[in-house]
């Protein structure tokens, strides 16, 4: 059918992501640093995204496009909001050193505050991972020894550290890196830093 739908000029897009946040239907996503209309049938044609774009990269066009599918949008929202947590407990202090869910796991070690600062934490970070959380400042403990034992005694495939930009979050990063070194294993790892306004600063 011919209908009104948004069009995104990638040359004008600066990758700020404001339109993706404003699109309540999930029609817009960020792909390789640029906004992209992911599905025609998710775009309702109302243009909530237009006024949020600082570069004028979004406009309306009339073209052949699938009809807006409200049921599909609602189903996608429900799926997106589902918890991705795979195990319990999640606190580093409470988690056992040996547990069956560690075997073959991609391990996520996250500072407590990251899940509150980053809106899509479950989908972007927890999904497909075994999750451990902690705050060295509040717990007043060094996690290094326990994390070392976990890595040594289990078949961990990779480690992702997610921390806030604030200095106190350095403790969880240092403890995890030290545990990786002390384990004597060569495991792929990376650090992702979240800003206090929820942006990803470094990955």
C-alpha atoms as a PDB file:
ATOM      1  CA  UNK A   1       0.000   0.000   0.000  1.00  0.00           C
ATOM      2  CA  UNK A   2       1.043   3.619  -0.537  1.00  0.00           C
ATOM      3  CA  UNK A   3       1.198   5.476   2.751  1.00  0.00           C
ATOM      4  CA  UNK A   4       3.003   8.197   4.676  1.00  0.00           C
ATOM      5  CA  UNK A   5       6.160   6.940   6.384  1.00  0.00           C
ATOM      6  CA  UNK A   6       9.405   8.396   7.668  1.00  0.00           C
ATOM      7  CA  UNK A   7      12.624   8.529   5.678  1.00  0.00           C
ATOM      8  CA  UNK A   8      16.083   8.965   7.241  1.00  0.00           C
ATOM      9  CA  UNK A   9      18.913  10.728   5.425  1.00  0.00           C
ATOM     10  CA  UNK A  10      22.002   8.879   6.700  1.00  0.00           C
ATOM     11  CA  UNK A  11      24.300  11.646   5.420  1.00  0.00           C
ATOM     12  CA  UNK A  12      22.622  14.142   7.768  1.00  0.00           C
ATOM     13  CA  UNK A  13      22.347  11.715  10.714  1.00  0.00           C
ATOM     14  CA  UNK A  14      24.895  12.423  13.458  1.00  0.00           C
ATOM     15  CA  UNK A  15      24.182   9.189  15.358  1.00  0.00           C
ATOM     16  CA  UNK A  16      22.790  10.844  18.501  1.00  0.00           C
ATOM     17  CA  UNK A  17      20.007   8.248  18.842  1.00  0.00           C
ATOM     18  CA  UNK A  18      17.339  10.763  19.910  1.00  0.00           C
ATOM     19  CA  UNK A  19      14.928   9.536  17.238  1.00  0.00           C
ATOM     20  CA  UNK A  20      15.302   5.894  18.302  1.00  0.00           C
ATOM     21  CA  UNK A  21      14.469   6.896  21.878  1.00  0.00           C
ATOM     22  CA  UNK A  22      11.472   8.961  20.750  1.00  0.00           C
ATOM     23  CA  UNK A  23      10.064   6.151  18.591  1.00  0.00           C
ATOM     24  CA  UNK A  24       7.742   4.306  20.979  1.00  0.00           C
ATOM     25  CA  UNK A  25       7.025   1.637  18.368  1.00  0.00           C
ATOM     26  CA  UNK A  26      10.653   0.509  18.007  1.00  0.00           C
ATOM     27  CA  UNK A  27      10.677   1.207  14.274  1.00  0.00           C
ATOM     28  CA  UNK A  28      13.994   3.080  14.456  1.00  0.00           C
ATOM     29  CA  UNK A  29      17.270   1.572  15.630  1.00  0.00           C
ATOM     30  CA  UNK A  30      20.929   2.501  15.568  1.00  0.00           C
ATOM     31  CA  UNK A  31      22.972   0.533  13.028  1.00  0.00           C
ATOM     32  CA  UNK A  32      26.704   1.231  12.671  1.00  0.00           C
ATOM     33  CA  UNK A  33      26.271   4.586  14.368  1.00  0.00           C
ATOM     34  CA  UNK A  34      23.408   5.762  12.151  1.00  0.00           C
ATOM     35  CA  UNK A  35      19.638   5.829  12.652  1.00  0.00           C
ATOM     36  CA  UNK A  36      17.794   3.331  10.485  1.00  0.00           C
ATOM     37  CA  UNK A  37      14.129   2.503   9.871  1.00  0.00           C
ATOM     38  CA  UNK A  38      14.200  -1.159  10.867  1.00  0.00           C
ATOM     39  CA  UNK A  39      10.665  -2.173   9.907  1.00  0.00           C
ATOM     40  CA  UNK A  40       8.042  -0.350   7.861  1.00  0.00           C
ATOM     41  CA  UNK A  41       5.200  -2.107   9.701  1.00  0.00           C
ATOM     42  CA  UNK A  42       6.427  -0.682  13.031  1.00  0.00           C
ATOM     43  CA  UNK A  43       6.222   2.939  11.812  1.00  0.00           C
ATOM     44  CA  UNK A  44       2.816   4.469  12.591  1.00  0.00           C
ATOM     45  CA  UNK A  45       3.501   7.518  10.417  1.00  0.00           C
ATOM     46  CA  UNK A  46       2.764   9.972  13.226  1.00  0.00           C
ATOM     47  CA  UNK A  47       6.324  11.313  13.339  1.00  0.00           C
ATOM     48  CA  UNK A  48       7.138  11.501  17.062  1.00  0.00           C
ATOM     49  CA  UNK A  49      10.764  11.164  15.953  1.00  0.00           C
ATOM     50  CA  UNK A  50      10.816  14.246  13.690  1.00  0.00           C
ATOM     51  CA  UNK A  51      11.087  17.054  16.271  1.00  0.00           C
ATOM     52  CA  UNK A  52      13.796  15.224  18.214  1.00  0.00           C
ATOM     53  CA  UNK A  53      16.258  15.122  15.293  1.00  0.00           C
ATOM     54  CA  UNK A  54      18.803  17.948  15.706  1.00  0.00           C
ATOM     55  CA  UNK A  55      20.092  17.708  12.118  1.00  0.00           C
ATOM     56  CA  UNK A  56      16.806  17.455  10.204  1.00  0.00           C
ATOM     57  CA  UNK A  57      17.713  13.993   8.925  1.00  0.00           C
ATOM     58  CA  UNK A  58      14.125  12.688   9.204  1.00  0.00           C
ATOM     59  CA  UNK A  59      11.274  13.598   6.891  1.00  0.00           C
ATOM     60  CA  UNK A  60       7.948  12.164   5.705  1.00  0.00           C
ATOM     61  CA  UNK A  61       7.564  10.529   2.307  1.00  0.00           C
ATOM     62  CA  UNK A  62       4.719   8.700   0.635  1.00  0.00           C
ATOM     63  CA  UNK A  63       5.768   5.335  -0.760  1.00  0.00           C
ATOM     64  CA  UNK A  64       4.918   1.668  -0.963  1.00  0.00           C
ATOM     65  CA  UNK A  65       5.167   0.316   2.585  1.00  0.00           C
ATOM     66  CA  UNK A  66       3.669  -2.406   4.723  1.00  0.00           C
ATOM     67  CA  UNK A  67       0.688  -1.288   6.802  1.00  0.00           C
ATOM     68  CA  UNK A  68       1.314  -0.320  10.411  1.00  0.00           C
ATOM     69  CA  UNK A  69       0.943  -3.498  12.513  1.00  0.00           C
ATOM     70  CA  UNK A  70      -0.014  -2.511  16.063  1.00  0.00           C
ATOM     71  CA  UNK A  71      -0.235  -6.135  17.232  1.00  0.00           C
ATOM     72  CA  UNK A  72       3.308  -6.857  16.058  1.00  0.00           C
ATOM     73  CA  UNK A  73       4.558  -3.722  17.829  1.00  0.00           C
ATOM     74  CA  UNK A  74       2.876  -4.723  21.102  1.00  0.00           C
ATOM     75  CA  UNK A  75       4.243  -8.273  20.846  1.00  0.00           C
ATOM     76  CA  UNK A  76       7.760  -6.928  20.244  1.00  0.00           C
ATOM     77  CA  UNK A  77       7.476  -4.617  23.257  1.00  0.00           C
ATOM     78  CA  UNK A  78       6.418  -7.490  25.503  1.00  0.00           C
ATOM     79  CA  UNK A  79       9.305  -9.624  24.274  1.00  0.00           C
ATOM     80  CA  UNK A  80      11.773  -6.775  24.745  1.00  0.00           C
ATOM     81  CA  UNK A  81      10.587  -6.155  28.294  1.00  0.00           C
ATOM     82  CA  UNK A  82      11.017  -9.809  29.329  1.00  0.00           C
ATOM     83  CA  UNK A  83      13.753 -10.457  31.870  1.00  0.00           C
ATOM     84  CA  UNK A  84      16.921 -11.948  30.406  1.00  0.00           C
ATOM     85  CA  UNK A  85      18.312 -13.030  33.782  1.00  0.00           C
ATOM     86  CA  UNK A  86      19.456 -16.661  33.611  1.00  0.00           C
ATOM     87  CA  UNK A  87      20.471 -17.442  37.195  1.00  0.00           C
ATOM     88  CA  UNK A  88      20.146 -16.500  40.869  1.00  0.00           C
ATOM     89  CA  UNK A  89      21.739 -15.090  42.981  1.00  0.00           C
ATOM     90  CA  UNK A  90      23.420 -12.296  41.072  1.00  0.00           C
ATOM     91  CA  UNK A  91      25.341 -10.512  43.835  1.00  0.00           C
ATOM     92  CA  UNK A  92      29.036 -11.417  43.698  1.00  0.00           C
ATOM     93  CA  UNK A  93      29.047 -11.777  47.493  1.00  0.00           C
ATOM     94  CA  UNK A  94      26.184 -14.301  47.408  1.00  0.00           C
ATOM     95  CA  UNK A  95      26.922 -16.239  44.215  1.00  0.00           C
ATOM     96  CA  UNK A  96      28.508 -19.679  44.693  1.00  0.00           C
ATOM     97  CA  UNK A  97      32.005 -20.217  43.326  1.00  0.00           C
ATOM     98  CA  UNK A  98      30.845 -23.384  41.559  1.00  0.00           C
ATOM     99  CA  UNK A  99      27.465 -23.573  39.864  1.00  0.00           C
ATOM    100  CA  UNK A 100      26.327 -25.438  36.755  1.00  0.00           C
ATOM    101  CA  UNK A 101      25.370 -22.206  35.018  1.00  0.00           C
ATOM    102  CA  UNK A 102      29.015 -21.086  34.969  1.00  0.00           C
ATOM    103  CA  UNK A 103      30.048 -23.888  32.597  1.00  0.00           C
ATOM    104  CA  UNK A 104      30.483 -22.508  29.085  1.00  0.00           C
ATOM    105  CA  UNK A 105      29.178 -19.139  30.249  1.00  0.00           C
ATOM    106  CA  UNK A 106      29.739 -15.687  28.886  1.00  0.00           C
ATOM    107  CA  UNK A 107      30.229 -13.824  32.155  1.00  0.00           C
ATOM    108  CA  UNK A 108      28.894 -10.320  32.760  1.00  0.00           C
ATOM    109  CA  UNK A 109      30.373  -8.498  35.765  1.00  0.00           C
ATOM    110  CA  UNK A 110      28.419  -5.277  36.254  1.00  0.00           C
ATOM    111  CA  UNK A 111      28.410  -2.421  38.730  1.00  0.00           C
ATOM    112  CA  UNK A 112      25.047  -2.156  40.510  1.00  0.00           C
ATOM    113  CA  UNK A 113      24.176   1.278  39.088  1.00  0.00           C
ATOM    114  CA  UNK A 114      24.656   0.367  35.436  1.00  0.00           C
ATOM    115  CA  UNK A 115      21.294  -1.381  35.129  1.00  0.00           C
ATOM    116  CA  UNK A 116      19.548   1.780  36.376  1.00  0.00           C
ATOM    117  CA  UNK A 117      21.505   4.180  34.180  1.00  0.00           C
ATOM    118  CA  UNK A 118      21.307   2.193  30.925  1.00  0.00           C
ATOM    119  CA  UNK A 119      17.683   1.718  29.858  1.00  0.00           C
ATOM    120  CA  UNK A 120      18.053  -1.404  27.708  1.00  0.00           C
ATOM    121  CA  UNK A 121      20.376  -3.272  30.059  1.00  0.00           C
ATOM    122  CA  UNK A 122      18.640  -6.657  29.878  1.00  0.00           C
ATOM    123  CA  UNK A 123      18.584  -6.853  26.088  1.00  0.00           C
ATOM    124  CA  UNK A 124      22.002  -5.325  25.417  1.00  0.00           C
ATOM    125  CA  UNK A 125      24.041  -6.818  28.271  1.00  0.00           C
ATOM    126  CA  UNK A 126      22.319  -9.526  30.348  1.00  0.00           C
ATOM    127  CA  UNK A 127      20.920 -11.463  27.379  1.00  0.00           C
ATOM    128  CA  UNK A 128      23.002 -14.585  26.768  1.00  0.00           C
ATOM    129  CA  UNK A 129      25.205 -13.969  29.822  1.00  0.00           C
ATOM    130  CA  UNK A 130      25.565 -15.192  33.376  1.00  0.00           C
ATOM    131  CA  UNK A 131      25.310 -12.001  35.414  1.00  0.00           C
ATOM    132  CA  UNK A 132      27.214 -10.971  38.535  1.00  0.00           C
ATOM    133  CA  UNK A 133      26.728  -7.549  40.107  1.00  0.00           C
ATOM    134  CA  UNK A 134      28.390  -5.623  42.887  1.00  0.00           C
ATOM    135  CA  UNK A 135      29.505  -2.282  44.243  1.00  0.00           C
ATOM    136  CA  UNK A 136      32.932  -2.288  45.888  1.00  0.00           C
ATOM    137  CA  UNK A 137      32.208   1.042  47.567  1.00  0.00           C
ATOM    138  CA  UNK A 138      28.976  -0.089  49.252  1.00  0.00           C
ATOM    139  CA  UNK A 139      30.025  -3.696  49.857  1.00  0.00           C
ATOM    140  CA  UNK A 140      33.395  -2.526  51.235  1.00  0.00           C
ATOM    141  CA  UNK A 141      35.004  -5.681  49.935  1.00  0.00           C
ATOM    142  CA  UNK A 142      37.604  -6.720  47.368  1.00  0.00           C
ATOM    143  CA  UNK A 143      35.978  -9.137  44.910  1.00  0.00           C
ATOM    144  CA  UNK A 144      39.300 -10.232  43.411  1.00  0.00           C
ATOM    145  CA  UNK A 145      39.764 -13.547  45.226  1.00  0.00           C
ATOM    146  CA  UNK A 146      36.206 -14.764  44.692  1.00  0.00           C
ATOM    147  CA  UNK A 147      36.194 -13.792  41.020  1.00  0.00           C
ATOM    148  CA  UNK A 148      39.564 -15.502  40.582  1.00  0.00           C
ATOM    149  CA  UNK A 149      38.143 -18.745  42.002  1.00  0.00           C
ATOM    150  CA  UNK A 150      35.075 -18.499  39.778  1.00  0.00           C
ATOM    151  CA  UNK A 151      37.198 -18.080  36.658  1.00  0.00           C
ATOM    152  CA  UNK A 152      39.712 -20.751  37.652  1.00  0.00           C
ATOM    153  CA  UNK A 153      37.174 -23.395  38.611  1.00  0.00           C
ATOM    154  CA  UNK A 154      34.696 -22.956  35.759  1.00  0.00           C
ATOM    155  CA  UNK A 155      34.670 -22.989  31.970  1.00  0.00           C
ATOM    156  CA  UNK A 156      34.151 -19.259  31.383  1.00  0.00           C
ATOM    157  CA  UNK A 157      34.140 -18.336  27.674  1.00  0.00           C
ATOM    158  CA  UNK A 158      34.368 -14.553  27.927  1.00  0.00           C
ATOM    159  CA  UNK A 159      34.095 -11.717  30.445  1.00  0.00           C
ATOM    160  CA  UNK A 160      32.326  -8.391  29.931  1.00  0.00           C
ATOM    161  CA  UNK A 161      32.747  -5.688  32.562  1.00  0.00           C
ATOM    162  CA  UNK A 162      30.116  -2.930  32.649  1.00  0.00           C
ATOM    163  CA  UNK A 163      30.848   0.020  34.901  1.00  0.00           C
ATOM    164  CA  UNK A 164      29.778   3.612  35.417  1.00  0.00           C
ATOM    165  CA  UNK A 165      32.043   6.525  34.533  1.00  0.00           C
ATOM    166  CA  UNK A 166      32.351   7.508  38.214  1.00  0.00           C
ATOM    167  CA  UNK A 167      35.702   6.798  39.941  1.00  0.00           C
ATOM    168  CA  UNK A 168      34.308   4.415  42.568  1.00  0.00           C
ATOM    169  CA  UNK A 169      33.348   1.987  39.777  1.00  0.00           C
ATOM    170  CA  UNK A 170      37.035   1.496  39.058  1.00  0.00           C
ATOM    171  CA  UNK A 171      37.106  -1.048  41.878  1.00  0.00           C
ATOM    172  CA  UNK A 172      34.936  -3.561  40.052  1.00  0.00           C
ATOM    173  CA  UNK A 173      36.960  -3.171  36.857  1.00  0.00           C
ATOM    174  CA  UNK A 174      40.298  -3.610  38.657  1.00  0.00           C
ATOM    175  CA  UNK A 175      39.052  -6.609  40.651  1.00  0.00           C
ATOM    176  CA  UNK A 176      37.809  -8.379  37.514  1.00  0.00           C
ATOM    177  CA  UNK A 177      40.927  -7.650  35.467  1.00  0.00           C
ATOM    178  CA  UNK A 178      43.142  -8.821  38.329  1.00  0.00           C
ATOM    179  CA  UNK A 179      41.053 -11.984  38.693  1.00  0.00           C
ATOM    180  CA  UNK A 180      41.513 -12.708  34.999  1.00  0.00           C
ATOM    181  CA  UNK A 181      45.275 -12.306  35.343  1.00  0.00           C
ATOM    182  CA  UNK A 182      45.440 -14.371  38.532  1.00  0.00           C
ATOM    183  CA  UNK A 183      43.375 -17.190  37.011  1.00  0.00           C
ATOM    184  CA  UNK A 184      46.163 -18.074  34.615  1.00  0.00           C
ATOM    185  CA  UNK A 185      43.625 -18.431  31.794  1.00  0.00           C
ATOM    186  CA  UNK A 186      43.490 -16.558  28.516  1.00  0.00           C
ATOM    187  CA  UNK A 187      39.871 -15.431  28.238  1.00  0.00           C
ATOM    188  CA  UNK A 188      38.533 -12.670  25.935  1.00  0.00           C
ATOM    189  CA  UNK A 189      37.350  -9.664  27.922  1.00  0.00           C
ATOM    190  CA  UNK A 190      36.153  -6.117  27.401  1.00  0.00           C
ATOM    191  CA  UNK A 191      35.086  -3.109  29.445  1.00  0.00           C
ATOM    192  CA  UNK A 192      32.017  -0.970  28.715  1.00  0.00           C
ATOM    193  CA  UNK A 193      31.649   2.386  30.464  1.00  0.00           C
ATOM    194  CA  UNK A 194      28.227   3.976  30.985  1.00  0.00           C
ATOM    195  CA  UNK A 195      27.787   7.729  31.491  1.00  0.00           C
ATOM    196  CA  UNK A 196      25.583   9.042  34.291  1.00  0.00           C
ATOM    197  CA  UNK A 197      23.056  10.112  31.633  1.00  0.00           C
ATOM    198  CA  UNK A 198      22.849   6.547  30.302  1.00  0.00           C
ATOM    199  CA  UNK A 199      25.055   6.844  27.218  1.00  0.00           C
ATOM    200  CA  UNK A 200      27.730   4.284  26.375  1.00  0.00           C
ATOM    201  CA  UNK A 201      31.023   6.163  26.611  1.00  0.00           C
ATOM    202  CA  UNK A 202      33.493   3.420  25.840  1.00  0.00           C
ATOM    203  CA  UNK A 203      33.341  -0.197  24.680  1.00  0.00           C
END
